[in-house]
C-alpha atoms as a PDB file:
ATOM      1  CA  MET A   1      52.697  33.649 -65.715  1.00  0.00           C
ATOM      2  CA  PHE A   2      51.701  36.313 -68.255  1.00  0.00           C
ATOM      3  CA  SER A   3      54.918  36.158 -70.231  1.00  0.00           C
ATOM      4  CA  PHE A   4      56.217  38.502 -72.898  1.00  0.00           C
ATOM      5  CA  LEU A   5      59.465  36.675 -73.656  1.00  0.00           C
ATOM      6  CA  ASN A   6      60.626  34.013 -76.060  1.00  0.00           C
ATOM      7  CA  LYS A   7      59.911  30.829 -74.113  1.00  0.00           C
ATOM      8  CA  ASN A   8      62.941  29.125 -75.685  1.00  0.00           C
ATOM      9  CA  LYS A   9      65.409  31.690 -74.365  1.00  0.00           C
ATOM     10  CA  LEU A  10      66.664  32.385 -70.867  1.00  0.00           C
ATOM     11  CA  THR A  11      66.463  36.064 -69.945  1.00  0.00           C
ATOM     12  CA  PRO A  12      68.128  37.595 -66.853  1.00  0.00           C
ATOM     13  CA  MET A  13      65.401  39.405 -64.917  1.00  0.00           C
ATOM     14  CA  LEU A  14      65.214  41.436 -61.741  1.00  0.00           C
ATOM     15  CA  GLY A  15      62.465  40.150 -59.442  1.00  0.00           C
ATOM     16  CA  VAL A  16      60.347  43.018 -58.070  1.00  0.00           C
ATOM     17  CA  ASP A  17      57.704  42.285 -55.422  1.00  0.00           C
ATOM     18  CA  PHE A  18      55.176  45.033 -54.649  1.00  0.00           C
ATOM     19  CA  GLY A  19      54.143  44.690 -51.001  1.00  0.00           C
ATOM     20  CA  SER A  20      51.770  46.830 -48.980  1.00  0.00           C
ATOM     21  CA  ASN A  21      54.629  47.802 -46.655  1.00  0.00           C
ATOM     22  CA  SER A  22      57.652  47.731 -48.953  1.00  0.00           C
ATOM     23  CA  ILE A  23      58.824  47.042 -52.499  1.00  0.00           C
ATOM     24  CA  LYS A  24      61.557  44.423 -52.700  1.00  0.00           C
ATOM     25  CA  ALA A  25      63.968  43.529 -55.505  1.00  0.00           C
ATOM     26  CA  VAL A  26      66.294  40.540 -55.986  1.00  0.00           C
ATOM     27  CA  SER A  27      68.753  39.715 -58.774  1.00  0.00           C
ATOM     28  CA  VAL A  28      70.370  36.318 -59.379  1.00  0.00           C
ATOM     29  CA  SER A  29      73.050  34.910 -61.659  1.00  0.00           C
ATOM     30  CA  GLY A  30      74.363  31.502 -62.644  1.00  0.00           C
ATOM     31  CA  ASP A  31      72.220  28.633 -63.862  1.00  0.00           C
ATOM     32  CA  PRO A  32      69.212  26.709 -62.467  1.00  0.00           C
ATOM     33  CA  ASP A  33      71.413  24.145 -60.699  1.00  0.00           C
ATOM     34  CA  ASN A  34      74.039  26.558 -59.390  1.00  0.00           C
ATOM     35  CA  PHE A  35      72.943  30.143 -58.884  1.00  0.00           C
ATOM     36  CA  THR A  36      73.602  32.899 -56.381  1.00  0.00           C
ATOM     37  CA  ILE A  37      71.822  36.043 -55.266  1.00  0.00           C
ATOM     38  CA  ASP A  38      73.819  39.015 -56.560  1.00  0.00           C
ATOM     39  CA  SER A  39      71.901  41.794 -54.836  1.00  0.00           C
ATOM     40  CA  TRP A  40      68.722  42.780 -53.069  1.00  0.00           C
ATOM     41  CA  ALA A  41      67.146  46.022 -52.005  1.00  0.00           C
ATOM     42  CA  GLU A  42      63.995  47.281 -50.317  1.00  0.00           C
ATOM     43  CA  ILE A  43      62.166  50.598 -50.194  1.00  0.00           C
ATOM     44  CA  SER A  44      58.999  51.665 -48.393  1.00  0.00           C
ATOM     45  CA  THR A  45      55.797  51.570 -50.407  1.00  0.00           C
ATOM     46  CA  PRO A  46      54.287  55.074 -50.760  1.00  0.00           C
ATOM     47  CA  LYS A  47      51.298  55.421 -48.447  1.00  0.00           C
ATOM     48  CA  GLY A  48      48.039  54.576 -50.217  1.00  0.00           C
ATOM     49  CA  ALA A  49      49.774  53.587 -53.456  1.00  0.00           C
ATOM     50  CA  ILE A  50      48.696  49.944 -53.056  1.00  0.00           C
ATOM     51  CA  ARG A  51      45.258  49.010 -51.742  1.00  0.00           C
ATOM     52  CA  ASP A  52      43.776  45.531 -51.668  1.00  0.00           C
ATOM     53  CA  PHE A  53      46.838  44.291 -53.605  1.00  0.00           C
ATOM     54  CA  GLN A  54      46.070  46.634 -56.497  1.00  0.00           C
ATOM     55  CA  LEU A  55      48.534  49.271 -57.722  1.00  0.00           C
ATOM     56  CA  GLN A  56      46.489  52.445 -57.282  1.00  0.00           C
ATOM     57  CA  ASP A  57      49.135  55.090 -57.984  1.00  0.00           C
ATOM     58  CA  PRO A  58      51.572  53.942 -60.708  1.00  0.00           C
ATOM     59  CA  GLU A  59      53.272  57.350 -60.857  1.00  0.00           C
ATOM     60  CA  ARG A  60      54.310  57.365 -57.186  1.00  0.00           C
ATOM     61  CA  LEU A  61      55.233  53.688 -57.377  1.00  0.00           C
ATOM     62  CA  ALA A  62      57.413  54.442 -60.416  1.00  0.00           C
ATOM     63  CA  GLN A  63      59.279  57.093 -58.421  1.00  0.00           C
ATOM     64  CA  ALA A  64      59.801  54.619 -55.582  1.00  0.00           C
ATOM     65  CA  CYS A  65      61.057  51.979 -58.042  1.00  0.00           C
ATOM     66  CA  LYS A  66      63.466  54.513 -59.535  1.00  0.00           C
ATOM     67  CA  GLN A  67      65.008  54.936 -56.093  1.00  0.00           C
ATOM     68  CA  LEU A  68      64.975  51.177 -55.575  1.00  0.00           C
ATOM     69  CA  LEU A  69      66.903  50.580 -58.800  1.00  0.00           C
ATOM     70  CA  ARG A  70      69.523  53.131 -57.758  1.00  0.00           C
ATOM     71  CA  MET A  71      70.163  51.076 -54.631  1.00  0.00           C
ATOM     72  CA  LEU A  72      71.286  48.080 -56.716  1.00  0.00           C
ATOM     73  CA  PRO A  73      74.931  47.795 -57.782  1.00  0.00           C
ATOM     74  CA  THR A  74      74.169  47.024 -61.434  1.00  0.00           C
ATOM     75  CA  GLN A  75      71.594  48.143 -63.977  1.00  0.00           C
ATOM     76  CA  HIS A  76      68.901  45.792 -65.209  1.00  0.00           C
ATOM     77  CA  LYS A  77      67.077  45.715 -68.532  1.00  0.00           C
ATOM     78  CA  TYR A  78      64.264  43.322 -67.632  1.00  0.00           C
ATOM     79  CA  VAL A  79      61.894  42.791 -64.720  1.00  0.00           C
ATOM     80  CA  ALA A  80      59.650  39.990 -63.516  1.00  0.00           C
ATOM     81  CA  THR A  81      56.849  41.078 -61.178  1.00  0.00           C
ATOM     82  CA  ALA A  82      53.603  39.612 -59.877  1.00  0.00           C
ATOM     83  CA  VAL A  83      49.898  40.204 -59.390  1.00  0.00           C
ATOM     84  CA  ASN A  84      48.065  39.158 -56.223  1.00  0.00           C
ATOM     85  CA  GLY A  85      44.725  39.283 -54.473  1.00  0.00           C
ATOM     86  CA  SER A  86      41.176  38.844 -55.654  1.00  0.00           C
ATOM     87  CA  SER A  87      41.974  39.985 -59.208  1.00  0.00           C
ATOM     88  CA  VAL A  88      43.851  36.698 -59.752  1.00  0.00           C
ATOM     89  CA  ILE A  89      42.096  33.357 -60.168  1.00  0.00           C
ATOM     90  CA  THR A  90      43.914  30.018 -60.497  1.00  0.00           C
ATOM     91  CA  LYS A  91      42.195  26.706 -61.102  1.00  0.00           C
ATOM     92  CA  ILE A  92      43.385  23.183 -61.904  1.00  0.00           C
ATOM     93  CA  THR A  93      41.313  21.210 -64.382  1.00  0.00           C
ATOM     94  CA  GLN A  94      41.768  17.925 -66.248  1.00  0.00           C
ATOM     95  CA  VAL A  95      42.012  17.531 -70.023  1.00  0.00           C
ATOM     96  CA  ALA A  96      42.462  14.309 -72.002  1.00  0.00           C
ATOM     97  CA  ASN A  97      46.125  13.842 -72.953  1.00  0.00           C
ATOM     98  CA  ASN A  98      45.525  12.558 -76.509  1.00  0.00           C
ATOM     99  CA  ILE A  99      44.228  15.853 -77.926  1.00  0.00           C
ATOM    100  CA  ASN A 100      46.167  17.862 -80.526  1.00  0.00           C
ATOM    101  CA  ASP A 101      47.471  21.326 -79.647  1.00  0.00           C
ATOM    102  CA  ALA A 102      44.787  23.350 -81.447  1.00  0.00           C
ATOM    103  CA  ASP A 103      41.880  21.415 -79.943  1.00  0.00           C
ATOM    104  CA  PHE A 104      43.615  21.381 -76.566  1.00  0.00           C
ATOM    105  CA  GLU A 105      43.746  25.186 -76.408  1.00  0.00           C
ATOM    106  CA  ASN A 106      40.076  25.441 -77.419  1.00  0.00           C
ATOM    107  CA  ILE A 107      39.099  23.004 -74.669  1.00  0.00           C
ATOM    108  CA  VAL A 108      41.130  24.962 -72.102  1.00  0.00           C
ATOM    109  CA  MET A 109      39.391  28.188 -73.159  1.00  0.00           C
ATOM    110  CA  MET A 110      35.981  26.539 -72.749  1.00  0.00           C
ATOM    111  CA  GLU A 111      37.020  25.268 -69.318  1.00  0.00           C
ATOM    112  CA  ALA A 112      38.196  28.775 -68.423  1.00  0.00           C
ATOM    113  CA  GLU A 113      34.792  30.232 -69.286  1.00  0.00           C
ATOM    114  CA  GLN A 114      33.253  27.899 -66.696  1.00  0.00           C
ATOM    115  CA  LEU A 115      35.931  28.336 -64.019  1.00  0.00           C
ATOM    116  CA  ILE A 116      36.823  32.043 -64.195  1.00  0.00           C
ATOM    117  CA  PRO A 117      34.215  34.351 -62.578  1.00  0.00           C
ATOM    118  CA  PHE A 118      35.208  37.327 -64.768  1.00  0.00           C
ATOM    119  CA  PRO A 119      34.241  38.026 -68.400  1.00  0.00           C
ATOM    120  CA  LEU A 120      37.111  36.651 -70.489  1.00  0.00           C
ATOM    121  CA  ASP A 121      37.424  39.930 -72.401  1.00  0.00           C
ATOM    122  CA  GLU A 122      38.408  41.610 -69.098  1.00  0.00           C
ATOM    123  CA  VAL A 123      41.190  39.189 -68.192  1.00  0.00           C
ATOM    124  CA  SER A 124      44.582  37.998 -69.367  1.00  0.00           C
ATOM    125  CA  LEU A 125      44.643  34.217 -69.431  1.00  0.00           C
ATOM    126  CA  ASP A 126      47.465  31.699 -69.351  1.00  0.00           C
ATOM    127  CA  PHE A 127      47.774  27.976 -68.668  1.00  0.00           C
ATOM    128  CA  GLU A 128      50.347  25.232 -68.127  1.00  0.00           C
ATOM    129  CA  VAL A 129      50.162  21.452 -68.347  1.00  0.00           C
ATOM    130  CA  LEU A 130      51.301  20.128 -64.963  1.00  0.00           C
ATOM    131  CA  GLY A 131      51.439  16.477 -65.959  1.00  0.00           C
ATOM    132  CA  PRO A 132      49.303  13.315 -65.715  1.00  0.00           C
ATOM    133  CA  ASN A 133      46.467  13.311 -63.206  1.00  0.00           C
ATOM    134  CA  VAL A 134      47.211  11.033 -60.245  1.00  0.00           C
ATOM    135  CA  SER A 135      43.765   9.397 -60.301  1.00  0.00           C
ATOM    136  CA  ASP A 136      43.357   9.174 -64.088  1.00  0.00           C
ATOM    137  CA  PRO A 137      46.630   8.970 -66.106  1.00  0.00           C
ATOM    138  CA  THR A 138      44.678   9.371 -69.372  1.00  0.00           C
ATOM    139  CA  LYS A 139      44.176  13.017 -68.425  1.00  0.00           C
ATOM    140  CA  ASN A 140      46.593  15.835 -67.725  1.00  0.00           C
ATOM    141  CA  ASP A 141      46.232  18.306 -64.898  1.00  0.00           C
ATOM    142  CA  VAL A 142      46.164  21.796 -66.389  1.00  0.00           C
ATOM    143  CA  LEU A 143      46.693  24.939 -64.348  1.00  0.00           C
ATOM    144  CA  ILE A 144      44.574  27.820 -65.637  1.00  0.00           C
ATOM    145  CA  CYS A 145      45.309  31.313 -64.385  1.00  0.00           C
ATOM    146  CA  ALA A 146      43.527  34.563 -65.122  1.00  0.00           C
ATOM    147  CA  ALA A 147      44.142  38.091 -63.903  1.00  0.00           C
ATOM    148  CA  ARG A 148      42.230  41.242 -64.608  1.00  0.00           C
ATOM    149  CA  THR A 149      43.977  42.964 -67.494  1.00  0.00           C
ATOM    150  CA  GLN A 150      43.797  46.263 -65.600  1.00  0.00           C
ATOM    151  CA  SER A 151      46.023  44.817 -62.864  1.00  0.00           C
ATOM    152  CA  ILE A 152      48.638  43.816 -65.415  1.00  0.00           C
ATOM    153  CA  THR A 153      48.402  47.168 -67.189  1.00  0.00           C
ATOM    154  CA  SER A 154      49.029  48.961 -63.885  1.00  0.00           C
ATOM    155  CA  SER A 155      52.187  46.907 -63.343  1.00  0.00           C
ATOM    156  CA  LEU A 156      53.405  47.652 -66.858  1.00  0.00           C
ATOM    157  CA  SER A 157      52.802  51.382 -66.463  1.00  0.00           C
ATOM    158  CA  VAL A 158      55.011  51.555 -63.338  1.00  0.00           C
ATOM    159  CA  PHE A 159      58.098  50.681 -65.398  1.00  0.00           C
ATOM    160  CA  ASP A 160      57.188  52.596 -68.572  1.00  0.00           C
ATOM    161  CA  GLU A 161      59.309  55.622 -67.620  1.00  0.00           C
ATOM    162  CA  LEU A 162      62.243  53.717 -66.099  1.00  0.00           C
ATOM    163  CA  ASN A 163      63.844  52.323 -69.271  1.00  0.00           C
ATOM    164  CA  ILE A 164      63.265  48.799 -68.019  1.00  0.00           C
ATOM    165  CA  ASP A 165      60.905  46.248 -69.556  1.00  0.00           C
ATOM    166  CA  ILE A 166      58.582  43.834 -67.781  1.00  0.00           C
ATOM    167  CA  LYS A 167      59.116  40.429 -69.357  1.00  0.00           C
ATOM    168  CA  VAL A 168      56.925  38.387 -66.980  1.00  0.00           C
ATOM    169  CA  VAL A 169      53.911  39.160 -64.817  1.00  0.00           C
ATOM    170  CA  ASP A 170      53.665  36.118 -62.560  1.00  0.00           C
ATOM    171  CA  VAL A 171      51.263  35.187 -59.761  1.00  0.00           C
ATOM    172  CA  GLY A 172      52.621  35.984 -56.299  1.00  0.00           C
ATOM    173  CA  MET A 173      51.886  32.576 -54.754  1.00  0.00           C
ATOM    174  CA  HIS A 174      53.515  30.751 -57.666  1.00  0.00           C
ATOM    175  CA  ALA A 175      56.636  32.893 -57.362  1.00  0.00           C
ATOM    176  CA  LEU A 176      56.714  32.213 -53.619  1.00  0.00           C
ATOM    177  CA  SER A 177      56.329  28.443 -54.069  1.00  0.00           C
ATOM    178  CA  ARG A 178      59.072  28.460 -56.722  1.00  0.00           C
ATOM    179  CA  ALA A 179      61.505  30.036 -54.249  1.00  0.00           C
ATOM    180  CA  ILE A 180      60.515  27.618 -51.483  1.00  0.00           C
ATOM    181  CA  VAL A 181      60.888  24.511 -53.661  1.00  0.00           C
ATOM    182  CA  THR A 182      64.258  25.833 -54.853  1.00  0.00           C
ATOM    183  CA  LEU A 183      65.526  26.383 -51.304  1.00  0.00           C
ATOM    184  CA  GLU A 184      63.882  23.287 -49.809  1.00  0.00           C
ATOM    185  CA  LYS A 185      65.193  20.789 -52.354  1.00  0.00           C
ATOM    186  CA  SER A 186      63.716  17.833 -50.460  1.00  0.00           C
ATOM    187  CA  LEU A 187      60.279  18.941 -51.698  1.00  0.00           C
ATOM    188  CA  GLN A 188      61.362  17.702 -55.122  1.00  0.00           C
ATOM    189  CA  ASN A 189      62.920  14.495 -53.777  1.00  0.00           C
ATOM    190  CA  GLU A 190      62.349  12.587 -50.524  1.00  0.00           C
ATOM    191  CA  ASP A 191      59.509  14.884 -49.384  1.00  0.00           C
ATOM    192  CA  ALA A 192      57.860  15.213 -52.794  1.00  0.00           C
ATOM    193  CA  ASN A 193      54.894  13.014 -51.801  1.00  0.00           C
ATOM    194  CA  ARG A 194      54.236  14.865 -48.544  1.00  0.00           C
ATOM    195  CA  TYR A 195      51.626  17.621 -48.541  1.00  0.00           C
ATOM    196  CA  CYS A 196      53.598  20.700 -47.502  1.00  0.00           C
ATOM    197  CA  ALA A 197      51.832  23.845 -46.303  1.00  0.00           C
ATOM    198  CA  ILE A 198      53.411  27.192 -47.101  1.00  0.00           C
ATOM    199  CA  VAL A 199      52.509  30.129 -44.864  1.00  0.00           C
ATOM    200  CA  ASP A 200      53.628  33.580 -45.947  1.00  0.00           C
ATOM    201  CA  ILE A 201      52.941  36.265 -43.326  1.00  0.00           C
ATOM    202  CA  GLY A 202      52.827  39.747 -44.792  1.00  0.00           C
ATOM    203  CA  GLU A 203      51.923  43.016 -43.146  1.00  0.00           C
ATOM    204  CA  LEU A 204      48.204  42.799 -43.922  1.00  0.00           C
ATOM    205  CA  SER A 205      47.649  39.297 -45.220  1.00  0.00           C
ATOM    206  CA  LEU A 206      48.303  35.625 -44.675  1.00  0.00           C
ATOM    207  CA  SER A 207      48.973  33.627 -47.835  1.00  0.00           C
ATOM    208  CA  PHE A 208      48.428  29.896 -47.458  1.00  0.00           C
ATOM    209  CA  GLY A 209      49.254  27.228 -50.003  1.00  0.00           C
ATOM    210  CA  ILE A 210      49.925  23.525 -50.426  1.00  0.00           C
ATOM    211  CA  ILE A 211      52.857  22.112 -52.372  1.00  0.00           C
ATOM    212  CA  PHE A 212      52.757  18.503 -53.596  1.00  0.00           C
ATOM    213  CA  GLN A 213      55.360  16.890 -55.854  1.00  0.00           C
ATOM    214  CA  GLY A 214      57.036  20.265 -56.278  1.00  0.00           C
ATOM    215  CA  GLU A 215      53.885  22.041 -57.511  1.00  0.00           C
ATOM    216  CA  LEU A 216      51.519  24.502 -55.870  1.00  0.00           C
ATOM    217  CA  ILE A 217      48.139  22.747 -55.888  1.00  0.00           C
ATOM    218  CA  TYR A 218      46.079  24.893 -53.499  1.00  0.00           C
ATOM    219  CA  SER A 219      46.132  28.491 -52.249  1.00  0.00           C
ATOM    220  CA  ARG A 220      44.104  30.920 -50.135  1.00  0.00           C
ATOM    221  CA  LEU A 221      44.522  34.513 -49.003  1.00  0.00           C
ATOM    222  CA  GLN A 222      43.342  35.960 -45.676  1.00  0.00           C
ATOM    223  CA  ASP A 223      43.188  39.402 -44.087  1.00  0.00           C
ATOM    224  CA  PHE A 224      45.504  38.624 -41.189  1.00  0.00           C
ATOM    225  CA  GLY A 225      49.111  39.740 -41.006  1.00  0.00           C
ATOM    226  CA  GLY A 226      51.974  41.028 -38.919  1.00  0.00           C
ATOM    227  CA  VAL A 227      50.326  44.410 -38.450  1.00  0.00           C
ATOM    228  CA  SER A 228      47.998  42.735 -35.929  1.00  0.00           C
ATOM    229  CA  LEU A 229      50.944  42.214 -33.577  1.00  0.00           C
ATOM    230  CA  THR A 230      52.263  45.719 -34.257  1.00  0.00           C
ATOM    231  CA  ARG A 231      48.923  47.237 -33.246  1.00  0.00           C
ATOM    232  CA  SER A 232      48.723  45.073 -30.132  1.00  0.00           C
ATOM    233  CA  LEU A 233      52.195  46.184 -29.056  1.00  0.00           C
ATOM    234  CA  ALA A 234      51.378  49.819 -29.764  1.00  0.00           C
ATOM    235  CA  THR A 235      48.155  49.625 -27.747  1.00  0.00           C
ATOM    236  CA  PHE A 236      49.529  47.610 -24.812  1.00  0.00           C
ATOM    237  CA  TYR A 237      52.647  49.740 -24.340  1.00  0.00           C
ATOM    238  CA  ASN A 238      51.273  53.047 -25.618  1.00  0.00           C
ATOM    239  CA  LEU A 239      53.863  53.196 -28.400  1.00  0.00           C
ATOM    240  CA  PRO A 240      53.584  55.001 -31.741  1.00  0.00           C
ATOM    241  CA  ILE A 241      52.857  52.546 -34.539  1.00  0.00           C
ATOM    242  CA  GLU A 242      56.250  53.270 -36.139  1.00  0.00           C
ATOM    243  CA  GLU A 243      58.123  52.474 -32.922  1.00  0.00           C
ATOM    244  CA  ALA A 244      56.109  49.312 -32.313  1.00  0.00           C
ATOM    245  CA  GLU A 245      56.900  48.179 -35.861  1.00  0.00           C
ATOM    246  CA  ASN A 246      60.612  48.860 -35.352  1.00  0.00           C
ATOM    247  CA  VAL A 247      60.611  46.929 -32.078  1.00  0.00           C
ATOM    248  CA  LYS A 248      59.013  43.958 -33.854  1.00  0.00           C
ATOM    249  CA  LEU A 249      61.282  44.041 -36.900  1.00  0.00           C
ATOM    250  CA  LYS A 250      64.480  44.397 -34.882  1.00  0.00           C
ATOM    251  CA  GLY A 251      63.666  41.300 -32.903  1.00  0.00           C
ATOM    252  CA  SER A 252      63.740  43.181 -29.592  1.00  0.00           C
ATOM    253  CA  LEU A 253      60.325  42.017 -28.443  1.00  0.00           C
ATOM    254  CA  SER A 254      61.749  40.537 -25.276  1.00  0.00           C
ATOM    255  CA  SER A 255      62.555  43.987 -23.911  1.00  0.00           C
ATOM    256  CA  TYR A 256      59.099  45.374 -24.618  1.00  0.00           C
ATOM    257  CA  SER A 257      56.510  42.670 -24.925  1.00  0.00           C
ATOM    258  CA  ASP A 258      54.497  40.948 -22.273  1.00  0.00           C
ATOM    259  CA  VAL A 259      54.314  37.235 -22.957  1.00  0.00           C
ATOM    260  CA  ASP A 260      50.523  37.483 -23.322  1.00  0.00           C
ATOM    261  CA  VAL A 261      50.788  39.981 -26.204  1.00  0.00           C
ATOM    262  CA  VAL A 262      53.032  37.802 -28.345  1.00  0.00           C
ATOM    263  CA  ASN A 263      51.465  34.479 -27.358  1.00  0.00           C
ATOM    264  CA  SER A 264      47.996  35.788 -28.084  1.00  0.00           C
ATOM    265  CA  TYR A 265      49.087  36.738 -31.609  1.00  0.00           C
ATOM    266  CA  VAL A 266      50.822  33.383 -32.185  1.00  0.00           C
ATOM    267  CA  THR A 267      47.712  31.552 -30.961  1.00  0.00           C
ATOM    268  CA  GLN A 268      45.546  33.501 -33.443  1.00  0.00           C
ATOM    269  CA  LEU A 269      48.027  32.765 -36.212  1.00  0.00           C
ATOM    270  CA  SER A 270      48.026  29.075 -35.311  1.00  0.00           C
ATOM    271  CA  GLN A 271      44.222  29.005 -35.409  1.00  0.00           C
ATOM    272  CA  HIS A 272      44.187  30.560 -38.889  1.00  0.00           C
ATOM    273  CA  ILE A 273      46.715  27.999 -40.118  1.00  0.00           C
ATOM    274  CA  LYS A 274      44.728  25.101 -38.593  1.00  0.00           C
ATOM    275  CA  ARG A 275      41.576  26.358 -40.279  1.00  0.00           C
ATOM    276  CA  ASN A 276      43.326  26.594 -43.645  1.00  0.00           C
ATOM    277  CA  ILE A 277      44.675  23.066 -43.266  1.00  0.00           C
ATOM    278  CA  GLN A 278      41.183  21.809 -42.401  1.00  0.00           C
ATOM    279  CA  LEU A 279      39.722  23.514 -45.476  1.00  0.00           C
ATOM    280  CA  PHE A 280      42.358  21.945 -47.706  1.00  0.00           C
ATOM    281  CA  SER A 281      41.948  18.506 -46.147  1.00  0.00           C
ATOM    282  CA  SER A 282      38.164  18.543 -46.474  1.00  0.00           C
ATOM    283  CA  SER A 283      38.364  19.634 -50.118  1.00  0.00           C
ATOM    284  CA  SER A 284      40.996  17.055 -51.061  1.00  0.00           C
ATOM    285  CA  GLY A 285      39.746  13.834 -49.523  1.00  0.00           C
ATOM    286  CA  ASN A 286      41.145  14.461 -46.038  1.00  0.00           C
ATOM    287  CA  ARG A 287      44.777  14.366 -47.107  1.00  0.00           C
ATOM    288  CA  ASN A 288      47.173  14.923 -44.230  1.00  0.00           C
ATOM    289  CA  VAL A 289      49.505  17.921 -43.967  1.00  0.00           C
ATOM    290  CA  ASP A 290      52.505  17.203 -41.750  1.00  0.00           C
ATOM    291  CA  LEU A 291      55.102  19.695 -42.975  1.00  0.00           C
ATOM    292  CA  MET A 292      55.020  23.512 -43.088  1.00  0.00           C
ATOM    293  CA  VAL A 293      57.331  26.202 -44.468  1.00  0.00           C
ATOM    294  CA  LEU A 294      57.255  29.748 -43.073  1.00  0.00           C
ATOM    295  CA  SER A 295      57.972  32.836 -45.139  1.00  0.00           C
ATOM    296  CA  GLY A 296      57.430  36.600 -45.234  1.00  0.00           C
ATOM    297  CA  GLY A 297      58.447  39.507 -43.035  1.00  0.00           C
ATOM    298  CA  GLY A 298      55.894  38.531 -40.412  1.00  0.00           C
ATOM    299  CA  SER A 299      57.638  35.176 -39.932  1.00  0.00           C
ATOM    300  CA  LEU A 300      60.666  36.811 -38.274  1.00  0.00           C
ATOM    301  CA  ILE A 301      59.218  36.957 -34.749  1.00  0.00           C
ATOM    302  CA  PRO A 302      61.780  35.282 -32.471  1.00  0.00           C
ATOM    303  CA  GLY A 303      60.761  31.740 -31.583  1.00  0.00           C
ATOM    304  CA  LEU A 304      57.780  31.674 -33.972  1.00  0.00           C
ATOM    305  CA  LYS A 305      58.988  28.553 -35.789  1.00  0.00           C
ATOM    306  CA  GLN A 306      59.293  26.580 -32.539  1.00  0.00           C
ATOM    307  CA  GLN A 307      55.964  27.820 -31.140  1.00  0.00           C
ATOM    308  CA  LEU A 308      54.039  26.931 -34.274  1.00  0.00           C
ATOM    309  CA  SER A 309      55.700  23.523 -34.444  1.00  0.00           C
ATOM    310  CA  GLN A 310      54.479  22.788 -30.913  1.00  0.00           C
ATOM    311  CA  GLN A 311      50.966  24.174 -31.377  1.00  0.00           C
ATOM    312  CA  LEU A 312      50.413  22.510 -34.756  1.00  0.00           C
ATOM    313  CA  ASP A 313      52.309  19.315 -33.906  1.00  0.00           C
ATOM    314  CA  MET A 314      54.202  19.253 -37.185  1.00  0.00           C
ATOM    315  CA  GLU A 315      57.615  19.936 -38.650  1.00  0.00           C
ATOM    316  CA  VAL A 316      58.108  23.639 -39.441  1.00  0.00           C
ATOM    317  CA  ARG A 317      60.895  24.964 -41.659  1.00  0.00           C
ATOM    318  CA  HIS A 318      62.021  28.554 -42.164  1.00  0.00           C
ATOM    319  CA  PRO A 319      64.369  28.799 -45.181  1.00  0.00           C
ATOM    320  CA  ASP A 320      66.674  31.812 -45.415  1.00  0.00           C
ATOM    321  CA  PRO A 321      67.510  33.184 -48.905  1.00  0.00           C
ATOM    322  CA  SER A 322      70.575  34.970 -47.485  1.00  0.00           C
ATOM    323  CA  LEU A 323      72.390  31.621 -47.595  1.00  0.00           C
ATOM    324  CA  LEU A 324      72.509  32.080 -51.379  1.00  0.00           C
ATOM    325  CA  TYR A 325      74.021  35.569 -51.218  1.00  0.00           C
ATOM    326  CA  ASN A 326      77.320  35.719 -53.100  1.00  0.00           C
ATOM    327  CA  LYS A 327      78.926  38.203 -50.719  1.00  0.00           C
ATOM    328  CA  LYS A 328      80.711  37.323 -47.493  1.00  0.00           C
ATOM    329  CA  PRO A 329      78.056  36.860 -44.768  1.00  0.00           C
ATOM    330  CA  GLU A 330      77.737  39.631 -42.222  1.00  0.00           C
ATOM    331  CA  GLU A 331      78.675  38.917 -38.617  1.00  0.00           C
ATOM    332  CA  ASN A 332      74.986  38.870 -37.694  1.00  0.00           C
ATOM    333  CA  PRO A 333      73.203  38.344 -41.009  1.00  0.00           C
ATOM    334  CA  GLU A 334      69.543  39.274 -41.221  1.00  0.00           C
ATOM    335  CA  HIS A 335      67.097  36.497 -42.100  1.00  0.00           C
ATOM    336  CA  ARG A 336      65.737  37.466 -45.528  1.00  0.00           C
ATOM    337  CA  ALA A 337      62.405  35.625 -45.470  1.00  0.00           C
ATOM    338  CA  LYS A 338      60.615  38.765 -46.681  1.00  0.00           C
ATOM    339  CA  TYR A 339      62.488  38.500 -50.018  1.00  0.00           C
ATOM    340  CA  MET A 340      61.123  35.060 -50.887  1.00  0.00           C
ATOM    341  CA  THR A 341      58.561  36.209 -53.469  1.00  0.00           C
ATOM    342  CA  ALA A 342      61.064  38.561 -55.125  1.00  0.00           C
ATOM    343  CA  LEU A 343      63.532  35.666 -55.281  1.00  0.00           C
ATOM    344  CA  GLY A 344      60.911  33.447 -56.892  1.00  0.00           C
ATOM    345  CA  LEU A 345      60.321  36.146 -59.492  1.00  0.00           C
ATOM    346  CA  ALA A 346      64.049  36.509 -60.202  1.00  0.00           C
ATOM    347  CA  LEU A 347      64.224  32.730 -60.684  1.00  0.00           C
ATOM    348  CA  ARG A 348      61.992  33.147 -63.734  1.00  0.00           C
ATOM    349  CA  SER A 349      65.283  34.028 -65.439  1.00  0.00           C
ATOM    350  CA  PHE A 350      65.942  30.270 -65.458  1.00  0.00           C
ATOM    351  CA  THR A 351      62.475  28.971 -66.333  1.00  0.00           C
ATOM    352  CA  PRO A 352      61.431  29.754 -69.908  1.00  0.00           C
ATOM    353  CA  CYS A 353      57.956  28.309 -69.336  1.00  0.00           C
ATOM    354  CA  GLN A 354      54.531  29.840 -69.023  1.00  0.00           C
ATOM    355  CA  ILE A 355      54.321  29.644 -65.230  1.00  0.00           C
END
C-alpha cells in the first residue's frame, strides 16, 4: 500500500506479518504465474510489544526479527510488512473516468478529506483505481487508504538496525485477500461474480472481508479470536494457559476437550460470521454470500471447516499455503493457514502497483 519502490520494477521482498502471538515471515521466488514458497519462519511476539495492533516496543520487536531472519536459509535485502487495526481506514469512492491525472489526484484528495476521520497531516495516504463502477461505467471505483503515519514509522524503525529495508507497508486485509485470491484461482474465474467471505481467525481478533471479482470490497475487524477457546479449555480442565494453547495448536483437542467446550466456541464464531454477513448484505443491497474462505492460526481446529459449513449452510474452503512449498512435503505436513498474510505480503514482489 504505502510503497517506497519503483512501481515499474519487480523487487524480491520478504513478507513479515506482525501478529499479537507471533511474527511470521515468508519468502517466494519465480514469477506471478509460477511461483513457489522458498522458506517460512515464525517467532513468538515479545509480551506487550504489540497492543491493539500497534507496535509499542520497536526495539524488542527488532531483536525478535533479528532472530527470525537468522532462522531463514538465505538473507534478504527488502521487506514488505503491513499495518492493521483502527489506525487504518480504507474506503471505496467513485470518480469520473474522463478526468486528467492532475485533476484526478486533487479530486481523490478532496474525497479523502471527507472520508478519512483523521487530519490528513497525521496520515499517509494512498489510492488505486479498481476499474469501472458496476452501476455507472462512466465512473471508476477508487480505493482510498490511509494509515496513521506513526504506525508506519514504528514499522520502519523495527528494521532500521537490521540492514534490511522496508519497501512496502501494505494493509493486512489486502495482503490476506491477495494470498487467498492467488491460492483460490476460481475467485478470478468461474467464481469471480460470487460474493466470497474471508474469515481470518487470529489470537485476539476476527478479520472479516468480502471479495468480489478478485478484489477486496468490504472489511471489518472484531475482538474475537482463538484465545477465547484457549481460555475456555484452561478454565474447564484447570490447565495453564500455555498448556491449553499447546493442546489446541497440536490438534489434540479430542483427548482433552468436552464436546460442549469446542462446540460452544464454534457456535459463537458462527454467530459472529453470520452477523458480519448480515451487516455486509444490508449495506450492499442485500447481496448474497454463499462462499467462505477460512484463514489464520485459529482456523486450524479439527473439523472447523465442516462445522461452519453446516451451521452457515454454505461452501467453506480452507486453502493451505504449504502446497506451494518448494521442498519435499513432510510425512504429516502442518497446515500453514497462519502464514496467509505473510504470503500475501511476499507476493508484493510480483505486483509493482500501489496496493
